[in-house]
Amino acid sequence: MKDKRTDCSPLHTQLREVIRAKIDEGEYPPGTCIPSESQLSETYGLNRLSVRSALAALEYEGLLHSVQGKGVFVTAPKLERDMESLGGFRQTMRERSQRPGMRVLIKALRQAGPLYAQILGCAPEEDIWYVRRICQANGKPIALEEIFIPTDVVPGFEEVDINLFSVFEVYRWNGIYPVRGEQRLAITHLDPAEARLIGLREENAVLEFSGATYDREGRAIEFSRSYTHSDRCEFLVHFQK
C-alpha cells in the first residue's frame, strides 16, 4: 500500500485500490481465488474489519464474488454490448478480446406460425429454420439464444455446422448483408431447466434481447431472441443532439 505518511485515505480504501490494481494488471486473473481475509490482514498489517470492508466494496462493484466456504474470486470482465452496432455474437466477442463458443441444442425446420410469419414476411404454414443454442465467452455460458430464419435466405443451411461458423458468415456466403436491425430489451426469468443451461438459478433475472435484422432490400432475414446473464453484460448507447 501507499506510504501512510503521504496517503491520508482510510486503510480499507488503500487496500481496495491495491487489490483493484492487481486485478487490472492481471496478477489476480478472472476466476482465481484471491488471498483470504487472514492472509491479507497479515500481509498488509490491517485488522480483519478493514480487509472485509475493502473486499465488500470491490464485490459491490462487481470485481469480486464471494462463495461461502470456498473464498473470494475475481469475476470475469463484463461484456460491453453496443446497442447501436449490428454484428453477430462471435464478432462481438472477438472485438472485446473474448473467446467465443457455441453449443447448438436445436437446429431444425418448423412452421413459421402467425407471429414469425408476420415478422419474417412469409406464410404461417411455411417452414423456417429454428436454432436454439448456448453462447459462451471464454468457455463459460453467458446466454441462451433462439434464431428464426426463412429457408430461402440460407439455402443449404442443413449442411452448415453452426458450432464452427457464425450465422452472419452463412449470410455472407449467400450474398446477404445485414444492414439494419431493431432490438428490444426486457428483464425476465427463465424456467428452471433453461436457467440451468447457462448456469443460473430460477430466481436469477436475465436480460432478454429480441428483434429482427434486415438486409439491403429491407427484407427481414432473421428474428432472434437471447437471454443473457444480467451480471455479465453492460450497455453502450450513443447520444447526440
C-alpha atoms as a PDB file:
ATOM      1  CA  MET A   1       0.000   0.000   0.000  1.00  0.00           C
ATOM      2  CA  LYS A   2       0.969   3.623  -0.247  1.00  0.00           C
ATOM      3  CA  ASP A   3       3.135   5.233   2.406  1.00  0.00           C
ATOM      4  CA  LYS A   4       0.801   6.174   5.259  1.00  0.00           C
ATOM      5  CA  ARG A   5       2.690   9.454   5.604  1.00  0.00           C
ATOM      6  CA  THR A   6       1.626  10.564   2.112  1.00  0.00           C
ATOM      7  CA  ASP A   7      -1.795   8.918   1.794  1.00  0.00           C
ATOM      8  CA  CYS A   8      -4.465  10.100   4.206  1.00  0.00           C
ATOM      9  CA  SER A   9      -7.248   7.915   2.787  1.00  0.00           C
ATOM     10  CA  PRO A  10      -8.724   5.221   5.065  1.00  0.00           C
ATOM     11  CA  LEU A  11      -6.758   1.985   5.214  1.00  0.00           C
ATOM     12  CA  HIS A  12      -9.603  -0.083   3.768  1.00  0.00           C
ATOM     13  CA  THR A  13      -9.726   2.314   0.789  1.00  0.00           C
ATOM     14  CA  GLN A  14      -5.983   1.922   0.239  1.00  0.00           C
ATOM     15  CA  LEU A  15      -6.301  -1.868   0.324  1.00  0.00           C
ATOM     16  CA  ARG A  16      -9.246  -1.720  -2.071  1.00  0.00           C
ATOM     17  CA  GLU A  17      -7.102   0.155  -4.602  1.00  0.00           C
ATOM     18  CA  VAL A  18      -4.183  -2.259  -4.142  1.00  0.00           C
ATOM     19  CA  ILE A  19      -6.428  -5.231  -4.927  1.00  0.00           C
ATOM     20  CA  ARG A  20      -8.049  -3.367  -7.829  1.00  0.00           C
ATOM     21  CA  ALA A  21      -4.594  -2.712  -9.317  1.00  0.00           C
ATOM     22  CA  LYS A  22      -3.668  -6.389  -9.011  1.00  0.00           C
ATOM     23  CA  ILE A  23      -6.869  -7.300 -10.866  1.00  0.00           C
ATOM     24  CA  ASP A  24      -6.278  -4.679 -13.580  1.00  0.00           C
ATOM     25  CA  GLU A  25      -2.660  -5.758 -14.061  1.00  0.00           C
ATOM     26  CA  GLY A  26      -3.550  -9.454 -14.277  1.00  0.00           C
ATOM     27  CA  GLU A  27      -1.857 -10.574 -11.075  1.00  0.00           C
ATOM     28  CA  TYR A  28      -5.304 -11.724  -9.943  1.00  0.00           C
ATOM     29  CA  PRO A  29      -6.834 -13.017 -13.220  1.00  0.00           C
ATOM     30  CA  PRO A  30     -10.572 -13.736 -13.664  1.00  0.00           C
ATOM     31  CA  GLY A  31     -11.747 -16.918 -11.989  1.00  0.00           C
ATOM     32  CA  THR A  32      -8.927 -17.090  -9.451  1.00  0.00           C
ATOM     33  CA  CYS A  33      -9.330 -17.028  -5.695  1.00  0.00           C
ATOM     34  CA  ILE A  34      -7.590 -14.072  -4.056  1.00  0.00           C
ATOM     35  CA  PRO A  35      -5.799 -14.401  -0.685  1.00  0.00           C
ATOM     36  CA  SER A  36      -8.069 -14.944   2.311  1.00  0.00           C
ATOM     37  CA  GLU A  37      -9.027 -12.230   4.799  1.00  0.00           C
ATOM     38  CA  SER A  38      -6.481 -13.536   7.283  1.00  0.00           C
ATOM     39  CA  GLN A  39      -3.726 -13.616   4.647  1.00  0.00           C
ATOM     40  CA  LEU A  40      -4.496 -10.071   3.501  1.00  0.00           C
ATOM     41  CA  SER A  41      -4.655  -8.910   7.104  1.00  0.00           C
ATOM     42  CA  GLU A  42      -1.225 -10.383   7.817  1.00  0.00           C
ATOM     43  CA  THR A  43       0.340  -9.186   4.539  1.00  0.00           C
ATOM     44  CA  TYR A  44      -0.773  -5.568   4.890  1.00  0.00           C
ATOM     45  CA  GLY A  45      -0.868  -5.250   8.675  1.00  0.00           C
ATOM     46  CA  LEU A  46      -4.582  -4.431   8.807  1.00  0.00           C
ATOM     47  CA  ASN A  47      -7.356  -5.620  11.055  1.00  0.00           C
ATOM     48  CA  ARG A  48      -9.956  -8.009   9.637  1.00  0.00           C
ATOM     49  CA  LEU A  49     -12.665  -5.326   9.628  1.00  0.00           C
ATOM     50  CA  SER A  50     -10.641  -3.112   7.259  1.00  0.00           C
ATOM     51  CA  VAL A  51      -9.934  -6.074   4.978  1.00  0.00           C
ATOM     52  CA  ARG A  52     -13.596  -7.069   4.979  1.00  0.00           C
ATOM     53  CA  SER A  53     -14.646  -3.512   4.082  1.00  0.00           C
ATOM     54  CA  ALA A  54     -12.213  -3.406   1.144  1.00  0.00           C
ATOM     55  CA  LEU A  55     -13.449  -6.738  -0.213  1.00  0.00           C
ATOM     56  CA  ALA A  56     -17.099  -5.770   0.253  1.00  0.00           C
ATOM     57  CA  ALA A  57     -16.561  -2.575  -1.756  1.00  0.00           C
ATOM     58  CA  LEU A  58     -14.966  -4.497  -4.640  1.00  0.00           C
ATOM     59  CA  GLU A  59     -17.712  -7.102  -4.557  1.00  0.00           C
ATOM     60  CA  TYR A  60     -20.311  -4.316  -4.720  1.00  0.00           C
ATOM     61  CA  GLU A  61     -18.537  -3.004  -7.848  1.00  0.00           C
ATOM     62  CA  GLY A  62     -18.743  -6.464  -9.404  1.00  0.00           C
ATOM     63  CA  LEU A  63     -14.981  -7.118  -9.430  1.00  0.00           C
ATOM     64  CA  LEU A  64     -15.111  -9.873  -6.808  1.00  0.00           C
ATOM     65  CA  HIS A  65     -17.558 -12.623  -5.939  1.00  0.00           C
ATOM     66  CA  SER A  66     -17.545 -14.456  -2.609  1.00  0.00           C
ATOM     67  CA  VAL A  67     -18.503 -18.126  -2.425  1.00  0.00           C
ATOM     68  CA  GLN A  68     -19.324 -19.392   1.043  1.00  0.00           C
ATOM     69  CA  GLY A  69     -16.852 -21.998   2.197  1.00  0.00           C
ATOM     70  CA  LYS A  70     -14.581 -21.532  -0.834  1.00  0.00           C
ATOM     71  CA  GLY A  71     -13.283 -17.967  -0.848  1.00  0.00           C
ATOM     72  CA  VAL A  72     -13.424 -14.734  -2.826  1.00  0.00           C
ATOM     73  CA  PHE A  73     -12.972 -14.944  -6.593  1.00  0.00           C
ATOM     74  CA  VAL A  74     -12.174 -12.426  -9.312  1.00  0.00           C
ATOM     75  CA  THR A  75     -15.124 -12.109 -11.661  1.00  0.00           C
ATOM     76  CA  ALA A  76     -14.904 -12.121 -15.436  1.00  0.00           C
ATOM     77  CA  PRO A  77     -14.965  -8.666 -17.056  1.00  0.00           C
ATOM     78  CA  LYS A  78     -18.409  -7.521 -18.133  1.00  0.00           C
ATOM     79  CA  LEU A  79     -19.196  -7.803 -21.810  1.00  0.00           C
ATOM     80  CA  GLU A  80     -19.920  -4.423 -23.322  1.00  0.00           C
ATOM     81  CA  ARG A  81     -22.808  -4.522 -25.755  1.00  0.00           C
ATOM     82  CA  ASP A  82     -23.125  -1.650 -28.195  1.00  0.00           C
ATOM     83  CA  MET A  83     -26.866  -1.214 -28.682  1.00  0.00           C
ATOM     84  CA  GLU A  84     -26.271   0.627 -31.973  1.00  0.00           C
ATOM     85  CA  SER A  85     -23.886  -1.893 -33.543  1.00  0.00           C
ATOM     86  CA  LEU A  86     -25.081  -4.674 -35.847  1.00  0.00           C
ATOM     87  CA  GLY A  87     -22.989  -7.826 -35.646  1.00  0.00           C
ATOM     88  CA  GLY A  88     -23.040 -11.489 -34.749  1.00  0.00           C
ATOM     89  CA  PHE A  89     -22.133 -12.950 -31.373  1.00  0.00           C
ATOM     90  CA  ARG A  90     -18.723 -14.254 -32.483  1.00  0.00           C
ATOM     91  CA  GLN A  91     -17.725 -10.905 -33.969  1.00  0.00           C
ATOM     92  CA  THR A  92     -18.873  -9.056 -30.857  1.00  0.00           C
ATOM     93  CA  MET A  93     -16.861 -11.338 -28.564  1.00  0.00           C
ATOM     94  CA  ARG A  94     -13.690 -11.105 -30.661  1.00  0.00           C
ATOM     95  CA  GLU A  95     -13.915  -7.315 -30.707  1.00  0.00           C
ATOM     96  CA  ARG A  96     -13.878  -7.466 -26.908  1.00  0.00           C
ATOM     97  CA  SER A  97     -10.950  -9.914 -26.745  1.00  0.00           C
ATOM     98  CA  GLN A  98     -13.205 -12.752 -25.584  1.00  0.00           C
ATOM     99  CA  ARG A  99     -13.050 -16.310 -26.959  1.00  0.00           C
ATOM    100  CA  PRO A 100     -16.484 -17.085 -28.438  1.00  0.00           C
ATOM    101  CA  GLY A 101     -18.031 -20.526 -28.344  1.00  0.00           C
ATOM    102  CA  MET A 102     -21.331 -22.158 -29.270  1.00  0.00           C
ATOM    103  CA  ARG A 103     -23.235 -25.265 -28.288  1.00  0.00           C
ATOM    104  CA  VAL A 104     -26.170 -25.884 -30.599  1.00  0.00           C
ATOM    105  CA  LEU A 105     -29.114 -27.525 -28.851  1.00  0.00           C
ATOM    106  CA  ILE A 106     -31.609 -27.491 -31.735  1.00  0.00           C
ATOM    107  CA  LYS A 107     -31.288 -26.812 -35.457  1.00  0.00           C
ATOM    108  CA  ALA A 108     -34.480 -27.821 -37.215  1.00  0.00           C
ATOM    109  CA  LEU A 109     -37.292 -26.784 -39.520  1.00  0.00           C
ATOM    110  CA  ARG A 110     -40.583 -25.668 -38.010  1.00  0.00           C
ATOM    111  CA  GLN A 111     -43.680 -23.889 -39.230  1.00  0.00           C
ATOM    112  CA  ALA A 112     -43.493 -20.121 -39.006  1.00  0.00           C
ATOM    113  CA  GLY A 113     -46.889 -19.722 -37.373  1.00  0.00           C
ATOM    114  CA  PRO A 114     -48.717 -16.369 -37.250  1.00  0.00           C
ATOM    115  CA  LEU A 115     -46.163 -14.480 -35.115  1.00  0.00           C
ATOM    116  CA  TYR A 116     -42.977 -15.251 -37.049  1.00  0.00           C
ATOM    117  CA  ALA A 117     -44.791 -15.184 -40.391  1.00  0.00           C
ATOM    118  CA  GLN A 118     -45.706 -11.566 -39.727  1.00  0.00           C
ATOM    119  CA  ILE A 119     -42.163 -10.653 -38.663  1.00  0.00           C
ATOM    120  CA  LEU A 120     -40.369 -12.518 -41.465  1.00  0.00           C
ATOM    121  CA  GLY A 121     -42.861 -11.814 -44.246  1.00  0.00           C
ATOM    122  CA  CYS A 122     -43.799 -15.402 -45.047  1.00  0.00           C
ATOM    123  CA  ALA A 123     -46.923 -17.557 -44.838  1.00  0.00           C
ATOM    124  CA  PRO A 124     -47.778 -19.084 -41.430  1.00  0.00           C
ATOM    125  CA  GLU A 125     -47.637 -22.615 -42.880  1.00  0.00           C
ATOM    126  CA  GLU A 126     -44.184 -22.105 -44.419  1.00  0.00           C
ATOM    127  CA  ASP A 127     -41.173 -23.807 -42.880  1.00  0.00           C
ATOM    128  CA  ILE A 128     -38.468 -21.657 -41.313  1.00  0.00           C
ATOM    129  CA  TRP A 129     -35.185 -22.575 -39.664  1.00  0.00           C
ATOM    130  CA  TYR A 130     -35.165 -22.618 -35.874  1.00  0.00           C
ATOM    131  CA  VAL A 131     -31.858 -22.553 -33.987  1.00  0.00           C
ATOM    132  CA  ARG A 132     -31.508 -22.792 -30.224  1.00  0.00           C
ATOM    133  CA  ARG A 133     -28.007 -22.555 -28.811  1.00  0.00           C
ATOM    134  CA  ILE A 134     -25.885 -21.656 -25.813  1.00  0.00           C
ATOM    135  CA  CYS A 135     -23.443 -18.796 -26.362  1.00  0.00           C
ATOM    136  CA  GLN A 136     -20.162 -18.938 -24.469  1.00  0.00           C
ATOM    137  CA  ALA A 137     -17.413 -16.451 -23.670  1.00  0.00           C
ATOM    138  CA  ASN A 138     -14.041 -17.917 -22.698  1.00  0.00           C
ATOM    139  CA  GLY A 139     -15.668 -21.302 -22.214  1.00  0.00           C
ATOM    140  CA  LYS A 140     -18.420 -20.101 -19.879  1.00  0.00           C
ATOM    141  CA  PRO A 141     -22.114 -19.910 -20.849  1.00  0.00           C
ATOM    142  CA  ILE A 142     -23.472 -16.375 -20.881  1.00  0.00           C
ATOM    143  CA  ALA A 143     -26.624 -16.555 -22.999  1.00  0.00           C
ATOM    144  CA  LEU A 144     -29.347 -18.807 -24.353  1.00  0.00           C
ATOM    145  CA  GLU A 145     -30.279 -17.749 -27.890  1.00  0.00           C
ATOM    146  CA  GLU A 146     -33.050 -18.559 -30.369  1.00  0.00           C
ATOM    147  CA  ILE A 147     -32.908 -17.601 -34.059  1.00  0.00           C
ATOM    148  CA  PHE A 148     -35.691 -17.858 -36.661  1.00  0.00           C
ATOM    149  CA  ILE A 149     -34.616 -17.671 -40.339  1.00  0.00           C
ATOM    150  CA  PRO A 150     -36.624 -18.001 -43.593  1.00  0.00           C
ATOM    151  CA  THR A 151     -35.429 -21.037 -45.562  1.00  0.00           C
ATOM    152  CA  ASP A 152     -34.912 -19.053 -48.781  1.00  0.00           C
ATOM    153  CA  VAL A 153     -32.394 -16.807 -47.007  1.00  0.00           C
ATOM    154  CA  VAL A 154     -29.947 -19.640 -46.280  1.00  0.00           C
ATOM    155  CA  PRO A 155     -30.191 -22.433 -48.893  1.00  0.00           C
ATOM    156  CA  GLY A 156     -28.109 -25.424 -47.858  1.00  0.00           C
ATOM    157  CA  PHE A 157     -28.272 -24.402 -44.204  1.00  0.00           C
ATOM    158  CA  GLU A 158     -28.794 -28.026 -43.167  1.00  0.00           C
ATOM    159  CA  GLU A 159     -25.209 -28.798 -44.248  1.00  0.00           C
ATOM    160  CA  VAL A 160     -23.579 -25.997 -42.241  1.00  0.00           C
ATOM    161  CA  ASP A 161     -22.068 -26.737 -38.827  1.00  0.00           C
ATOM    162  CA  ILE A 162     -23.032 -23.615 -36.889  1.00  0.00           C
ATOM    163  CA  ASN A 163     -20.927 -24.738 -33.958  1.00  0.00           C
ATOM    164  CA  LEU A 164     -17.998 -23.745 -36.190  1.00  0.00           C
ATOM    165  CA  PHE A 165     -19.401 -20.992 -38.414  1.00  0.00           C
ATOM    166  CA  SER A 166     -21.482 -17.990 -37.419  1.00  0.00           C
ATOM    167  CA  VAL A 167     -24.912 -17.344 -38.888  1.00  0.00           C
ATOM    168  CA  PHE A 168     -23.620 -13.990 -40.171  1.00  0.00           C
ATOM    169  CA  GLU A 169     -20.902 -15.877 -42.082  1.00  0.00           C
ATOM    170  CA  VAL A 170     -23.591 -18.036 -43.681  1.00  0.00           C
ATOM    171  CA  TYR A 171     -25.414 -14.886 -44.750  1.00  0.00           C
ATOM    172  CA  ARG A 172     -22.279 -13.571 -46.455  1.00  0.00           C
ATOM    173  CA  TRP A 173     -21.756 -16.881 -48.273  1.00  0.00           C
ATOM    174  CA  ASN A 174     -25.209 -16.372 -49.767  1.00  0.00           C
ATOM    175  CA  GLY A 175     -24.559 -12.753 -50.733  1.00  0.00           C
ATOM    176  CA  ILE A 176     -26.742 -11.362 -47.962  1.00  0.00           C
ATOM    177  CA  TYR A 177     -25.504  -8.392 -45.957  1.00  0.00           C
ATOM    178  CA  PRO A 178     -27.353  -7.309 -42.814  1.00  0.00           C
ATOM    179  CA  VAL A 179     -27.562  -3.526 -42.746  1.00  0.00           C
ATOM    180  CA  ARG A 180     -30.266  -2.689 -40.232  1.00  0.00           C
ATOM    181  CA  GLY A 181     -31.730  -4.132 -37.078  1.00  0.00           C
ATOM    182  CA  GLU A 182     -34.060  -3.353 -34.234  1.00  0.00           C
ATOM    183  CA  GLN A 183     -33.784  -4.657 -30.721  1.00  0.00           C
ATOM    184  CA  ARG A 184     -35.890  -4.596 -27.595  1.00  0.00           C
ATOM    185  CA  LEU A 185     -34.587  -5.117 -24.093  1.00  0.00           C
ATOM    186  CA  ALA A 186     -36.573  -6.549 -21.197  1.00  0.00           C
ATOM    187  CA  ILE A 187     -35.859  -8.161 -17.842  1.00  0.00           C
ATOM    188  CA  THR A 188     -37.352 -11.606 -17.340  1.00  0.00           C
ATOM    189  CA  HIS A 189     -36.811 -15.030 -15.749  1.00  0.00           C
ATOM    190  CA  LEU A 190     -36.156 -18.416 -17.334  1.00  0.00           C
ATOM    191  CA  ASP A 191     -37.784 -21.640 -16.276  1.00  0.00           C
ATOM    192  CA  PRO A 192     -35.567 -23.891 -14.100  1.00  0.00           C
ATOM    193  CA  ALA A 193     -34.373 -26.129 -16.955  1.00  0.00           C
ATOM    194  CA  GLU A 194     -33.427 -23.181 -19.182  1.00  0.00           C
ATOM    195  CA  ALA A 195     -31.721 -21.337 -16.323  1.00  0.00           C
ATOM    196  CA  ARG A 196     -29.528 -24.369 -15.601  1.00  0.00           C
ATOM    197  CA  LEU A 197     -28.348 -24.416 -19.219  1.00  0.00           C
ATOM    198  CA  ILE A 198     -26.491 -21.147 -18.661  1.00  0.00           C
ATOM    199  CA  GLY A 199     -25.512 -21.740 -15.050  1.00  0.00           C
ATOM    200  CA  LEU A 200     -28.233 -19.717 -13.348  1.00  0.00           C
ATOM    201  CA  ARG A 201     -30.884 -20.368 -10.751  1.00  0.00           C
ATOM    202  CA  GLU A 202     -34.568 -19.919 -11.471  1.00  0.00           C
ATOM    203  CA  GLU A 203     -34.719 -16.769  -9.328  1.00  0.00           C
ATOM    204  CA  ASN A 204     -31.886 -15.053 -11.236  1.00  0.00           C
ATOM    205  CA  ALA A 205     -33.152 -12.361 -13.598  1.00  0.00           C
ATOM    206  CA  VAL A 206     -31.876 -12.335 -17.185  1.00  0.00           C
ATOM    207  CA  LEU A 207     -31.762  -9.694 -19.894  1.00  0.00           C
ATOM    208  CA  GLU A 208     -33.963 -10.569 -22.856  1.00  0.00           C
ATOM    209  CA  PHE A 209     -32.870  -9.091 -26.193  1.00  0.00           C
ATOM    210  CA  SER A 210     -35.222  -9.590 -29.119  1.00  0.00           C
ATOM    211  CA  GLY A 211     -35.505  -8.122 -32.581  1.00  0.00           C
ATOM    212  CA  ALA A 212     -35.334  -8.520 -36.336  1.00  0.00           C
ATOM    213  CA  THR A 213     -32.421  -7.980 -38.726  1.00  0.00           C
ATOM    214  CA  TYR A 214     -32.860  -6.670 -42.292  1.00  0.00           C
ATOM    215  CA  ASP A 215     -30.819  -6.805 -45.499  1.00  0.00           C
ATOM    216  CA  ARG A 216     -30.174  -4.112 -48.117  1.00  0.00           C
ATOM    217  CA  GLU A 217     -33.574  -4.691 -49.724  1.00  0.00           C
ATOM    218  CA  GLY A 218     -35.354  -4.189 -46.416  1.00  0.00           C
ATOM    219  CA  ARG A 219     -36.197  -7.890 -46.125  1.00  0.00           C
ATOM    220  CA  ALA A 220     -36.305  -9.413 -42.641  1.00  0.00           C
ATOM    221  CA  ILE A 221     -33.644 -12.130 -42.728  1.00  0.00           C
ATOM    222  CA  GLU A 222     -33.908 -13.250 -39.112  1.00  0.00           C
ATOM    223  CA  PHE A 223     -35.620 -12.753 -35.809  1.00  0.00           C
ATOM    224  CA  SER A 224     -33.560 -13.516 -32.719  1.00  0.00           C
ATOM    225  CA  ARG A 225     -34.185 -13.693 -29.011  1.00  0.00           C
ATOM    226  CA  SER A 226     -31.462 -14.125 -26.417  1.00  0.00           C
ATOM    227  CA  TYR A 227     -31.441 -14.440 -22.648  1.00  0.00           C
ATOM    228  CA  THR A 228     -28.212 -13.088 -21.168  1.00  0.00           C
ATOM    229  CA  HIS A 229     -26.661 -13.126 -17.687  1.00  0.00           C
ATOM    230  CA  SER A 230     -27.667  -9.790 -16.180  1.00  0.00           C
ATOM    231  CA  ASP A 231     -24.395  -9.566 -14.223  1.00  0.00           C
ATOM    232  CA  ARG A 232     -22.164 -10.248 -17.241  1.00  0.00           C
ATOM    233  CA  CYS A 233     -23.283  -7.509 -19.588  1.00  0.00           C
ATOM    234  CA  GLU A 234     -23.207  -3.737 -19.742  1.00  0.00           C
ATOM    235  CA  PHE A 235     -24.541  -1.432 -22.443  1.00  0.00           C
ATOM    236  CA  LEU A 236     -23.145   1.307 -24.614  1.00  0.00           C
ATOM    237  CA  VAL A 237     -25.626   3.765 -26.117  1.00  0.00           C
ATOM    238  CA  HIS A 238     -24.587   6.836 -28.115  1.00  0.00           C
ATOM    239  CA  PHE A 239     -26.494  10.104 -27.897  1.00  0.00           C
ATOM    240  CA  GLN A 240     -26.196  13.199 -29.996  1.00  0.00           C
ATOM    241  CA  LYS A 241     -28.152  16.378 -30.284  1.00  0.00           C
END
